[in-house]
Amino acid sequence: MKHPAKTLLSLLLCAVLLAAVWTPVFAAAEPVTPVIVVSGMNSFPLYDGETGEQIWGPQTKTILSMVGRILWPTVKALAKGDMEQLADDTFGDVYQSLFEVLACDETGEPLHPVDAVTFPQSVDHYPDELLEADETEDEIAVVKTVANAVGAEHVYFFNYDWRLDPRDDAKALHSFIETVKREQNAKKVTLVPCSMGGAVVNSLLSLYGAADIAKIVYCLVASKGIDMVGELFGRNVEIDVHVLLERLFNFENGNLALQALLSVLQGGFELNPLLTKALTKLLQSILDKTNERAYRDILLRSFATMPGLWAFVPDAYYEADKKIMFPDGGNEAFFEKIDAYHAVQVASEEFMRRAMETGTQIAVTASYGFVGMPLTKQAYTQGDCLIETHNESFGATAARYGETLGADYAAASCGNPAHDHLSDDLIVDAATCAFPEQTWFIKHMKHVGFPVNTGAAELLAWLVTADAPTVESDSRYPQFCDLDPATGKVRSLSTGEKKAQLFDKETTIFTRFLKFFVDLWHKIVSLFDR
């Protein structure tokens, strides 16, 4: 007869062994929260709904054909100084070739059947388009980074027609979330909106709340609009030669030879202020003389009646721009659409706070260190080459491009005296953000960059996977960092020593060439590090 104590001990040992064997299995089976990357404007081309032909962005052959037709009339008109003739001979062709197929009617509905590329399944079903594509930046880079972090089978990509009402896109996103939850057997999802995707996601919050959302990681979003669009819709158009060259320099931050050439041009203009003034005056004269016709013949017939474009008009410009674009009054149905989204834009932070109060985690990424578009008075506003820093960060205070807030700047307070939200280069004060503890800044990263396999991508992956991340959570991911485009590495800007960086503006021949050789040296060193 077996001893009861021995039998009991044997059963306990078996139970312990079974627990030890099965614990890793149960741990591995822990559900992964699915992630939906929400695209920005024109992440993928738009297609003709009847022929399947790509209509936007314009194909090279379409652009070359148009240029071939308008080149000689343009040269003749400029030679005569006849800007009215220039508009007569070219603007109609430009509209018909590029924009007519995109146009919406006066109610904001498409004039032609147009299809946006959609991806109903997880991204592992679309390796060529989303995982094996050549793109190393923008939304595809975001998708790749998130897929590497949580598994491609758990990642989805939501694309839409950017011309339309963001609130309609939000309704489609809500249905998509329900589908993803069923497929993944998940209660909630994580959303990663990029650029215009911020407008769609905040529209979603306004319509449905955040009960289905575990976390939102905003990637350089346009939820609060873009000052540049507000200026353009307000017909505040002006040219600045220095900004034009500086913007080209910013965009070509991986092309050292071209940067060196642009440096010489920039330096030449600095040494010849009369030449700069003359060229600026000439270009501005052309803009002034063609402004009225450009708006009438192109913009009013296309972009002005796209609800999606009005989502980019910030609150400070909105009412004035409506009167300027529609002086005789617009269509009531159209105004209802754009007014409804504008109310969402104004209350974005409130919807985000409500989401946080019900358990949704929020993280915001922004960028700075780039000059704006060279066509408006906002050209020197700090930004990421497209969206201004103060808009995409929900309220950061940023210095004018090429300047700092000043050594005697009195930093704002987030309410916690132990926290420091002023960047070491004295360019950005994050304490004025709506969410200073959940907002990160990556200097010198272009709009929705997050280049694959760089420090910026690592930060993004951490924001998606970490539990309730804040700028104080992990010393590897401080609130401010600087992305080196030559090496792909990010360095902290949180050393505690506040000082203006010597080469922030980089506008002299000396500093341009010095940076050129420093970047060249980094590239040579990186070859030996591989």
Protein backbone atom coordinates (compact mmCIF):
# COMPACT_ATOMS: atom_id res chain seq x y z
CA MET A 1 0.00 0.00 0.00
CA LYS A 2 1.40 3.40 -0.99
CA HIS A 3 2.06 5.96 1.70
CA PRO A 4 -0.48 8.82 1.37
CA ALA A 5 2.17 11.47 2.05
CA LYS A 6 4.43 10.13 -0.72
CA THR A 7 1.50 9.98 -3.11
CA LEU A 8 0.56 13.59 -2.31
CA LEU A 9 4.20 14.69 -2.73
CA SER A 10 4.38 12.94 -6.12
CA LEU A 11 1.21 14.67 -7.28
CA LEU A 12 2.57 18.06 -6.17
CA LEU A 13 5.85 17.45 -8.04
CA CYS A 14 3.90 16.51 -11.17
CA ALA A 15 1.85 19.67 -10.86
CA VAL A 16 4.99 21.77 -10.52
CA LEU A 17 6.58 20.09 -13.55
CA LEU A 18 3.42 20.60 -15.62
CA ALA A 19 3.30 24.26 -14.61
CA ALA A 20 6.95 24.68 -15.55
CA VAL A 21 6.35 23.07 -18.94
CA TRP A 22 3.16 24.91 -19.80
CA THR A 23 3.98 28.39 -18.45
CA PRO A 24 6.12 29.35 -21.52
CA VAL A 25 3.34 28.06 -23.77
CA PHE A 26 0.74 30.24 -22.10
CA ALA A 27 3.17 33.18 -22.10
CA ALA A 28 3.79 32.77 -25.82
CA ALA A 29 0.05 32.65 -26.42
CA GLU A 30 -0.48 36.04 -24.79
CA PRO A 31 -2.39 38.07 -27.37
CA VAL A 32 -0.63 40.83 -29.31
CA THR A 33 -2.54 44.08 -29.68
CA PRO A 34 -2.94 44.56 -33.44
CA VAL A 35 -1.61 47.79 -34.92
CA ILE A 36 -3.22 49.85 -37.68
CA VAL A 37 -0.98 52.37 -39.45
CA VAL A 38 -3.21 55.14 -40.81
CA SER A 39 -1.79 56.72 -43.95
CA GLY A 40 -1.29 60.36 -44.75
CA MET A 41 -2.09 62.24 -47.93
CA ASN A 42 -1.27 60.36 -51.13
CA SER A 43 0.66 57.49 -49.54
CA PHE A 44 -0.33 55.51 -52.60
CA PRO A 45 -1.48 56.82 -56.00
CA LEU A 46 -5.13 57.41 -56.85
CA TYR A 47 -6.51 55.53 -59.85
CA ASP A 48 -9.25 56.08 -62.38
CA GLY A 49 -12.16 53.99 -61.13
CA GLU A 50 -13.14 52.98 -64.67
CA THR A 51 -9.85 52.46 -66.51
CA GLY A 52 -7.55 51.62 -63.60
CA GLU A 53 -5.03 54.19 -64.86
CA GLN A 54 -2.99 56.08 -62.29
CA ILE A 55 -4.16 59.68 -62.12
CA TRP A 56 -2.36 61.02 -59.02
CA GLY A 57 0.46 61.51 -58.38
CA PRO A 58 0.91 62.40 -62.02
CA GLN A 59 2.97 59.96 -64.04
CA THR A 60 6.20 61.15 -65.60
CA LYS A 61 4.86 60.82 -69.15
CA THR A 62 1.86 63.01 -68.28
CA ILE A 63 4.07 65.73 -66.82
CA LEU A 64 6.57 65.62 -69.70
CA SER A 65 3.76 65.79 -72.25
CA MET A 66 2.28 68.83 -70.51
CA VAL A 67 5.68 70.54 -70.21
CA GLY A 68 6.28 69.95 -73.91
CA ARG A 69 3.05 71.74 -74.76
CA ILE A 70 3.44 74.75 -72.47
CA LEU A 71 7.21 75.29 -72.64
CA TRP A 72 7.34 77.45 -75.76
CA PRO A 73 4.23 79.52 -74.88
CA THR A 74 5.79 80.11 -71.45
CA VAL A 75 9.09 81.26 -72.92
CA LYS A 76 7.35 83.62 -75.36
CA ALA A 77 5.11 85.12 -72.68
CA LEU A 78 7.99 85.65 -70.24
CA ALA A 79 10.12 87.21 -72.97
CA LYS A 80 7.32 89.71 -73.63
CA GLY A 81 6.58 90.16 -69.96
CA ASP A 82 2.96 89.36 -70.74
CA MET A 83 1.69 87.40 -67.74
CA GLU A 84 -1.92 87.48 -68.93
CA GLN A 85 -0.83 85.72 -72.12
CA LEU A 86 1.11 83.23 -70.02
CA ALA A 87 -2.04 82.37 -68.09
CA ASP A 88 -4.15 82.17 -71.27
CA ASP A 89 -1.71 79.81 -72.97
CA THR A 90 -0.74 77.51 -70.10
CA PHE A 91 -3.02 77.47 -67.05
CA GLY A 92 -5.90 75.70 -68.77
CA ASP A 93 -3.55 72.97 -69.99
CA VAL A 94 -2.06 72.56 -66.52
CA TYR A 95 -5.51 72.15 -65.00
CA GLN A 96 -6.73 69.70 -67.63
CA SER A 97 -3.53 67.63 -67.59
CA LEU A 98 -3.03 67.33 -63.84
CA PHE A 99 -6.00 68.40 -61.77
CA GLU A 100 -9.29 68.07 -63.64
CA VAL A 101 -9.55 64.34 -62.97
CA LEU A 102 -9.12 65.02 -59.23
CA ALA A 103 -11.66 67.84 -59.01
CA CYS A 104 -14.72 67.78 -56.76
CA ASP A 105 -18.02 69.50 -57.41
CA GLU A 106 -19.33 72.41 -55.37
CA THR A 107 -20.64 70.02 -52.68
CA GLY A 108 -17.23 68.38 -52.21
CA GLU A 109 -18.08 65.16 -54.04
CA PRO A 110 -15.75 63.76 -56.75
CA LEU A 111 -16.54 64.68 -60.35
CA HIS A 112 -15.05 61.40 -61.58
CA PRO A 113 -14.87 57.85 -60.19
CA VAL A 114 -11.53 57.57 -58.42
CA ASP A 115 -10.18 54.63 -56.42
CA ALA A 116 -7.70 54.67 -53.55
CA VAL A 117 -5.54 51.59 -52.98
CA THR A 118 -6.72 49.67 -49.92
CA PHE A 119 -5.21 46.81 -47.92
CA PRO A 120 -7.98 44.79 -46.26
CA GLN A 121 -5.67 42.12 -44.79
CA SER A 122 -2.64 42.25 -42.49
CA VAL A 123 0.53 43.53 -44.13
CA ASP A 124 2.17 40.10 -44.36
CA HIS A 125 -0.25 39.52 -47.25
CA TYR A 126 1.27 42.46 -49.15
CA PRO A 127 5.05 42.01 -48.92
CA ASP A 128 5.86 43.63 -52.26
CA GLU A 129 3.91 46.82 -51.57
CA LEU A 130 4.50 47.19 -47.83
CA LEU A 131 7.46 45.12 -46.66
CA GLU A 132 9.75 44.63 -49.63
CA ALA A 133 9.22 48.02 -51.27
CA ASP A 134 12.30 50.18 -51.82
CA GLU A 135 11.01 53.05 -49.69
CA THR A 136 13.04 53.58 -46.53
CA GLU A 137 11.06 56.61 -45.30
CA ASP A 138 7.46 57.79 -44.97
CA GLU A 139 4.48 55.54 -44.26
CA ILE A 140 6.06 52.42 -45.74
CA ALA A 141 9.01 52.85 -43.36
CA VAL A 142 6.54 53.20 -40.48
CA VAL A 143 4.81 49.98 -41.55
CA LYS A 144 8.13 48.12 -41.81
CA THR A 145 9.29 49.36 -38.41
CA VAL A 146 6.05 48.41 -36.67
CA ALA A 147 5.96 45.02 -38.43
CA ASN A 148 9.49 44.29 -37.21
CA ALA A 149 8.41 45.21 -33.69
CA VAL A 150 5.17 43.22 -33.34
CA GLY A 151 5.06 40.89 -36.36
CA ALA A 152 3.68 41.62 -39.81
CA GLU A 153 0.71 39.33 -39.18
CA HIS A 154 -0.47 41.78 -36.49
CA VAL A 155 -0.06 44.97 -38.52
CA TYR A 156 -2.60 46.56 -40.89
CA PHE A 157 -2.46 49.58 -43.19
CA PHE A 158 -5.47 51.85 -43.65
CA ASN A 159 -5.43 53.99 -46.79
CA TYR A 160 -8.15 56.31 -48.09
CA ASP A 161 -9.00 59.03 -50.60
CA TRP A 162 -7.38 62.11 -49.05
CA ARG A 163 -9.60 64.54 -51.01
CA LEU A 164 -12.73 63.61 -49.10
CA ASP A 165 -14.22 64.51 -45.73
CA PRO A 166 -11.96 63.13 -42.94
CA ARG A 167 -15.09 62.27 -40.97
CA ASP A 168 -16.21 59.92 -43.76
CA ASP A 169 -12.74 58.36 -43.76
CA ALA A 170 -13.08 57.97 -39.98
CA LYS A 171 -16.30 56.01 -40.45
CA ALA A 172 -14.49 53.66 -42.83
CA LEU A 173 -11.64 53.35 -40.30
CA HIS A 174 -14.14 52.43 -37.57
CA SER A 175 -15.46 49.57 -39.71
CA PHE A 176 -11.89 48.51 -40.45
CA ILE A 177 -11.10 48.42 -36.72
CA GLU A 178 -14.05 46.10 -36.14
CA THR A 179 -12.79 43.79 -38.88
CA VAL A 180 -9.25 43.75 -37.47
CA LYS A 181 -10.54 43.00 -33.96
CA ARG A 182 -12.49 40.00 -35.27
CA GLU A 183 -9.59 38.67 -37.31
CA GLN A 184 -7.10 39.06 -34.46
CA ASN A 185 -9.54 38.05 -31.70
CA ALA A 186 -8.60 41.29 -29.98
CA LYS A 187 -10.55 43.67 -27.78
CA LYS A 188 -8.58 46.76 -28.80
CA VAL A 189 -6.15 48.03 -31.41
CA THR A 190 -3.22 50.44 -31.50
CA LEU A 191 -3.43 53.25 -34.06
CA VAL A 192 -0.38 54.88 -35.67
CA PRO A 193 -1.68 57.85 -37.69
CA CYS A 194 0.76 59.57 -40.04
CA SER A 195 0.38 63.16 -41.27
CA MET A 196 -3.23 63.58 -42.50
CA GLY A 197 -4.03 60.35 -40.66
CA GLY A 198 -4.12 62.46 -37.51
CA ALA A 199 -7.19 64.28 -38.84
CA VAL A 200 -8.86 60.95 -39.59
CA VAL A 201 -8.06 59.47 -36.17
CA ASN A 202 -9.23 62.54 -34.25
CA SER A 203 -12.42 62.47 -36.32
CA LEU A 204 -12.77 58.84 -35.19
CA LEU A 205 -12.40 59.91 -31.55
CA SER A 206 -15.07 62.59 -32.04
CA LEU A 207 -17.54 60.15 -33.58
CA TYR A 208 -16.95 56.93 -31.63
CA GLY A 209 -14.77 57.64 -28.63
CA ALA A 210 -11.77 55.47 -27.78
CA ALA A 211 -13.28 52.30 -26.33
CA ASP A 212 -11.66 50.20 -29.08
CA ILE A 213 -8.23 51.87 -28.90
CA ALA A 214 -5.42 50.79 -26.60
CA LYS A 215 -2.90 53.37 -27.77
CA ILE A 216 -2.43 56.10 -30.37
CA VAL A 217 1.07 57.03 -31.57
CA TYR A 218 0.81 60.25 -33.60
CA CYS A 219 3.53 60.47 -36.27
CA LEU A 220 4.07 64.10 -37.33
CA VAL A 221 0.34 64.62 -37.83
CA ALA A 222 -1.72 67.43 -39.34
CA SER A 223 -4.54 67.23 -36.78
CA LYS A 224 -4.25 70.98 -36.13
CA GLY A 225 -3.73 71.90 -39.78
CA ILE A 226 -0.81 73.38 -41.70
CA ASP A 227 -0.09 77.12 -41.61
CA MET A 228 1.26 76.96 -45.16
CA VAL A 229 -2.15 75.82 -46.46
CA GLY A 230 -3.87 78.52 -44.45
CA GLU A 231 -1.59 81.09 -46.08
CA LEU A 232 -2.12 79.72 -49.59
CA PHE A 233 -5.90 79.58 -49.22
CA GLY A 234 -5.68 83.14 -47.92
CA ARG A 235 -3.76 84.10 -51.07
CA ASN A 236 -0.71 85.24 -49.12
CA VAL A 237 1.89 84.19 -51.66
CA GLU A 238 5.43 85.51 -51.67
CA ILE A 239 8.84 84.17 -52.73
CA ASP A 240 12.15 84.17 -50.85
CA VAL A 241 15.26 83.07 -52.74
CA HIS A 242 17.14 82.21 -49.55
CA VAL A 243 14.28 80.01 -48.35
CA LEU A 244 14.10 78.32 -51.75
CA LEU A 245 17.79 77.37 -51.64
CA GLU A 246 17.58 76.46 -47.96
CA ARG A 247 14.65 74.16 -48.61
CA LEU A 248 16.49 72.42 -51.42
CA PHE A 249 19.43 72.03 -49.05
CA ASN A 250 17.13 70.52 -46.41
CA PHE A 251 15.56 68.06 -48.83
CA GLU A 252 18.92 66.90 -50.15
CA ASN A 253 20.43 66.24 -46.74
CA GLY A 254 21.74 62.89 -47.96
CA ASN A 255 23.33 64.24 -51.16
CA LEU A 256 26.60 65.85 -50.12
CA ALA A 257 27.67 66.97 -53.60
CA LEU A 258 24.37 68.76 -54.29
CA GLN A 259 24.44 70.31 -50.82
CA ALA A 260 27.89 71.68 -51.57
CA LEU A 261 26.62 73.21 -54.83
CA LEU A 262 23.62 74.74 -53.05
CA SER A 263 25.99 76.09 -50.41
CA VAL A 264 27.96 77.92 -53.09
CA LEU A 265 24.76 79.38 -54.55
CA GLN A 266 23.52 80.42 -51.13
CA GLY A 267 26.86 81.98 -50.31
CA GLY A 268 26.88 83.78 -53.64
CA PHE A 269 23.50 85.35 -52.94
CA GLU A 270 24.66 86.38 -49.48
CA LEU A 271 27.70 88.08 -50.97
CA ASN A 272 25.55 89.78 -53.63
CA PRO A 273 22.51 91.23 -51.87
CA LEU A 274 21.62 93.33 -54.92
CA LEU A 275 21.41 90.18 -57.05
CA THR A 276 19.28 88.50 -54.39
CA LYS A 277 16.97 91.50 -54.26
CA ALA A 278 16.67 91.66 -58.04
CA LEU A 279 15.89 87.95 -58.44
CA THR A 280 13.39 88.00 -55.58
CA LYS A 281 11.69 91.04 -57.08
CA LEU A 282 11.45 89.36 -60.50
CA LEU A 283 9.98 86.14 -59.13
CA GLN A 284 7.56 88.02 -56.89
CA SER A 285 6.43 90.14 -59.82
CA ILE A 286 5.61 87.01 -61.81
CA LEU A 287 3.67 85.58 -58.87
CA ASP A 288 1.75 88.80 -58.29
CA LYS A 289 0.77 89.11 -61.95
CA THR A 290 -0.37 85.49 -62.25
CA ASN A 291 -1.87 85.10 -58.78
CA GLU A 292 -5.45 85.95 -59.70
CA ARG A 293 -5.50 83.67 -62.75
CA ALA A 294 -3.77 80.80 -60.92
CA TYR A 295 -6.45 80.84 -58.23
CA ARG A 296 -9.30 81.23 -60.71
CA ASP A 297 -8.12 78.80 -63.39
CA ILE A 298 -6.51 76.10 -61.25
CA LEU A 299 -6.99 76.21 -57.48
CA LEU A 300 -10.67 77.19 -57.32
CA ARG A 301 -11.54 74.52 -59.88
CA SER A 302 -9.73 71.74 -58.04
CA PHE A 303 -8.37 71.95 -54.50
CA ALA A 304 -10.76 74.60 -53.16
CA THR A 305 -13.72 72.20 -53.11
CA MET A 306 -11.85 69.22 -51.63
CA PRO A 307 -13.01 68.78 -48.00
CA GLY A 308 -9.76 67.00 -47.20
CA LEU A 309 -7.70 70.06 -48.15
CA TRP A 310 -9.79 72.29 -45.88
CA ALA A 311 -8.87 69.98 -43.01
CA PHE A 312 -5.36 71.45 -43.35
CA VAL A 313 -6.51 75.04 -42.73
CA PRO A 314 -5.71 75.95 -39.10
CA ASP A 315 -8.26 77.68 -36.91
CA ALA A 316 -6.41 81.01 -37.06
CA TYR A 317 -6.97 81.16 -40.84
CA TYR A 318 -10.22 79.30 -41.29
CA GLU A 319 -13.00 81.88 -41.37
CA ALA A 320 -10.94 84.46 -43.28
CA ASP A 321 -9.88 81.87 -45.86
CA LYS A 322 -13.49 80.82 -46.46
CA LYS A 323 -14.42 84.41 -47.26
CA ILE A 324 -11.42 84.84 -49.53
CA MET A 325 -11.94 81.60 -51.46
CA PHE A 326 -15.74 81.96 -51.66
CA PRO A 327 -16.44 85.72 -51.64
CA ASP A 328 -19.93 85.21 -53.06
CA GLY A 329 -20.78 82.43 -50.61
CA GLY A 330 -20.19 78.74 -51.10
CA ASN A 331 -22.39 75.70 -51.33
CA GLU A 332 -24.25 75.00 -48.08
CA ALA A 333 -23.63 71.26 -48.18
CA PHE A 334 -19.92 71.85 -48.72
CA PHE A 335 -19.70 74.29 -45.82
CA GLU A 336 -21.49 71.78 -43.57
CA LYS A 337 -18.77 69.22 -44.33
CA ILE A 338 -15.77 71.42 -43.77
CA ASP A 339 -17.29 73.14 -40.72
CA ALA A 340 -18.00 69.76 -39.12
CA TYR A 341 -14.37 68.68 -39.43
CA HIS A 342 -13.10 72.09 -38.37
CA ALA A 343 -14.98 71.67 -35.09
CA VAL A 344 -13.05 68.41 -34.64
CA GLN A 345 -9.76 70.16 -35.36
CA VAL A 346 -10.41 72.86 -32.76
CA ALA A 347 -11.36 70.29 -30.09
CA SER A 348 -8.67 67.71 -30.96
CA GLU A 349 -6.86 67.98 -27.62
CA GLU A 350 -10.14 67.56 -25.75
CA PHE A 351 -10.95 64.34 -27.61
CA MET A 352 -7.43 63.08 -26.89
CA ARG A 353 -7.74 63.89 -23.18
CA ARG A 354 -11.06 62.05 -22.99
CA ALA A 355 -9.39 59.05 -24.59
CA MET A 356 -6.59 59.14 -22.00
CA GLU A 357 -9.12 59.40 -19.17
CA THR A 358 -10.73 56.15 -20.36
CA GLY A 359 -7.41 54.27 -20.53
CA THR A 360 -6.10 54.98 -24.04
CA GLN A 361 -2.37 55.70 -24.10
CA ILE A 362 -1.19 58.70 -26.14
CA ALA A 363 2.23 59.40 -27.66
CA VAL A 364 3.05 62.30 -30.00
CA THR A 365 6.10 62.69 -32.24
CA ALA A 366 7.16 65.94 -33.90
CA SER A 367 10.14 67.28 -35.80
CA TYR A 368 12.02 70.53 -36.28
CA GLY A 369 15.17 71.90 -37.87
CA PHE A 370 13.79 72.57 -41.35
CA VAL A 371 12.69 75.68 -43.19
CA GLY A 372 9.15 75.86 -44.56
CA MET A 373 7.75 76.31 -48.06
CA PRO A 374 9.29 79.30 -49.91
CA LEU A 375 5.90 80.63 -51.05
CA THR A 376 4.38 82.12 -47.89
CA LYS A 377 5.18 84.36 -44.96
CA GLN A 378 5.36 81.23 -42.81
CA ALA A 379 8.50 80.05 -44.62
CA TYR A 380 10.71 80.66 -41.59
CA THR A 381 8.40 78.84 -39.19
CA GLN A 382 10.18 75.86 -37.61
CA GLY A 383 8.95 72.55 -39.03
CA ASP A 384 9.60 69.21 -40.71
CA CYS A 385 9.61 70.55 -44.31
CA LEU A 386 5.79 70.39 -44.48
CA ILE A 387 3.99 70.70 -41.15
CA GLU A 388 4.99 73.31 -38.62
CA THR A 389 6.40 72.07 -35.31
CA HIS A 390 3.83 73.91 -33.21
CA ASN A 391 0.97 72.25 -35.13
CA GLU A 392 2.18 68.65 -35.16
CA SER A 393 3.19 68.81 -31.48
CA PHE A 394 -0.17 70.25 -30.37
CA GLY A 395 1.25 73.53 -29.16
CA ALA A 396 5.02 73.57 -28.67
CA THR A 397 6.71 76.97 -28.64
CA ALA A 398 9.36 77.03 -31.37
CA ALA A 399 11.86 79.67 -32.43
CA ARG A 400 11.91 81.10 -35.93
CA TYR A 401 14.06 78.99 -38.27
CA GLY A 402 17.71 79.92 -37.95
CA GLU A 403 17.18 81.52 -34.55
CA THR A 404 16.78 80.40 -30.93
CA LEU A 405 14.38 81.33 -28.17
CA GLY A 406 17.29 83.16 -26.54
CA ALA A 407 19.57 82.49 -23.61
CA ASP A 408 17.30 84.52 -21.31
CA TYR A 409 14.10 82.81 -22.46
CA ALA A 410 11.82 82.03 -19.53
CA ALA A 411 10.76 78.43 -20.07
CA ALA A 412 7.15 77.47 -19.47
CA SER A 413 6.22 74.97 -16.78
CA CYS A 414 4.37 71.68 -17.15
CA GLY A 415 3.35 71.87 -13.50
CA ASN A 416 6.19 69.65 -12.27
CA PRO A 417 9.25 71.75 -11.33
CA ALA A 418 11.49 68.68 -11.66
CA HIS A 419 10.77 68.36 -15.37
CA ASP A 420 12.72 70.24 -18.04
CA HIS A 421 10.95 70.55 -21.38
CA LEU A 422 13.26 73.08 -23.07
CA SER A 423 15.53 71.70 -25.81
CA ASP A 424 19.26 72.12 -25.28
CA ASP A 425 19.59 74.05 -28.52
CA LEU A 426 17.05 76.56 -27.17
CA ILE A 427 14.77 76.11 -30.17
CA VAL A 428 11.72 74.26 -28.75
CA ASP A 429 9.83 74.56 -25.47
CA ALA A 430 7.66 71.47 -25.12
CA ALA A 431 6.07 72.58 -21.86
CA THR A 432 3.44 74.46 -23.87
CA CYS A 433 2.37 71.27 -25.67
CA ALA A 434 -1.03 69.85 -24.82
CA PHE A 435 0.76 66.66 -23.69
CA PRO A 436 4.31 67.64 -22.66
CA GLU A 437 5.00 64.31 -20.92
CA GLN A 438 4.02 62.31 -24.02
CA THR A 439 5.58 64.38 -26.83
CA TRP A 440 8.93 63.56 -28.44
CA PHE A 441 10.91 65.69 -30.92
CA ILE A 442 13.33 64.38 -33.57
CA LYS A 443 15.40 67.20 -34.98
CA HIS A 444 16.37 67.00 -38.69
CA MET A 445 13.88 64.25 -39.54
CA LYS A 446 11.83 65.10 -42.61
CA HIS A 447 8.05 64.78 -42.65
CA VAL A 448 7.01 61.26 -41.58
CA GLY A 449 10.60 60.14 -42.11
CA PHE A 450 11.37 57.46 -39.52
CA PRO A 451 14.04 55.94 -41.80
CA VAL A 452 14.19 52.15 -41.47
CA ASN A 453 16.91 50.78 -39.18
CA THR A 454 17.76 54.16 -37.66
CA GLY A 455 17.48 55.54 -34.17
CA ALA A 456 14.26 57.30 -35.18
CA ALA A 457 12.74 53.94 -36.12
CA GLU A 458 13.86 52.49 -32.79
CA LEU A 459 12.08 55.31 -30.98
CA LEU A 460 8.90 54.65 -32.97
CA ALA A 461 9.03 50.90 -32.25
CA TRP A 462 9.45 51.63 -28.54
CA LEU A 463 6.51 54.03 -28.50
CA VAL A 464 4.30 51.38 -30.11
CA THR A 465 5.33 48.54 -27.78
CA ALA A 466 6.14 50.20 -24.43
CA ASP A 467 3.52 50.38 -21.72
CA ALA A 468 2.42 53.97 -21.05
CA PRO A 469 5.63 55.62 -22.32
CA THR A 470 6.52 59.14 -21.19
CA VAL A 471 9.54 61.33 -21.85
CA GLU A 472 10.82 60.32 -18.41
CA SER A 473 10.37 56.55 -18.92
CA ASP A 474 13.62 55.53 -20.62
CA SER A 475 16.90 57.45 -20.87
CA ARG A 476 17.49 55.90 -24.30
CA TYR A 477 14.51 57.87 -25.63
CA PRO A 478 14.67 61.43 -24.29
CA GLN A 479 12.21 64.11 -25.26
CA PHE A 480 14.66 65.72 -27.70
CA CYS A 481 17.04 63.95 -30.06
CA ASP A 482 18.83 64.77 -33.31
CA LEU A 483 18.78 62.46 -36.35
CA ASP A 484 22.02 62.42 -38.34
CA PRO A 485 20.97 61.66 -41.96
CA ALA A 486 24.52 60.61 -42.84
CA THR A 487 24.77 57.86 -40.21
CA GLY A 488 21.14 57.16 -39.30
CA LYS A 489 22.02 57.57 -35.63
CA VAL A 490 20.23 59.77 -33.15
CA ARG A 491 21.96 61.62 -30.38
CA SER A 492 20.38 63.03 -27.27
CA LEU A 493 19.73 66.74 -26.99
CA SER A 494 19.11 66.36 -23.26
CA THR A 495 22.49 66.87 -21.66
CA GLY A 496 21.21 69.58 -19.36
CA GLU A 497 23.44 72.26 -20.86
CA LYS A 498 21.36 74.89 -22.58
CA LYS A 499 23.15 76.54 -25.48
CA ALA A 500 22.44 77.58 -29.06
CA GLN A 501 24.02 75.32 -31.65
CA LEU A 502 26.61 77.12 -33.75
CA PHE A 503 25.59 75.59 -37.06
CA ASP A 504 21.82 75.63 -36.70
CA LYS A 505 21.21 78.10 -39.50
CA GLU A 506 24.11 76.97 -41.73
CA THR A 507 23.85 79.89 -44.13
CA THR A 508 27.46 80.91 -44.76
CA ILE A 509 29.88 79.37 -47.22
CA PHE A 510 32.25 78.47 -44.39
CA THR A 511 29.70 76.64 -42.26
CA ARG A 512 28.17 74.92 -45.29
CA PHE A 513 31.48 73.52 -46.42
CA LEU A 514 32.51 72.62 -42.89
CA LYS A 515 29.33 70.60 -42.51
CA PHE A 516 29.96 69.02 -45.92
CA PHE A 517 33.35 67.71 -44.84
CA VAL A 518 32.07 66.58 -41.45
CA ASP A 519 29.27 64.60 -43.12
CA LEU A 520 31.75 63.17 -45.63
CA TRP A 521 33.97 62.05 -42.76
CA HIS A 522 31.01 60.34 -41.07
CA LYS A 523 30.21 58.47 -44.27
CA ILE A 524 33.82 57.26 -44.60
CA VAL A 525 33.88 56.13 -40.96
CA SER A 526 30.56 54.33 -41.37
CA LEU A 527 32.03 52.21 -44.18
CA PHE A 528 34.53 50.75 -41.72
CA ASP A 529 31.87 50.22 -39.04
CA ARG A 530 29.90 47.79 -41.17
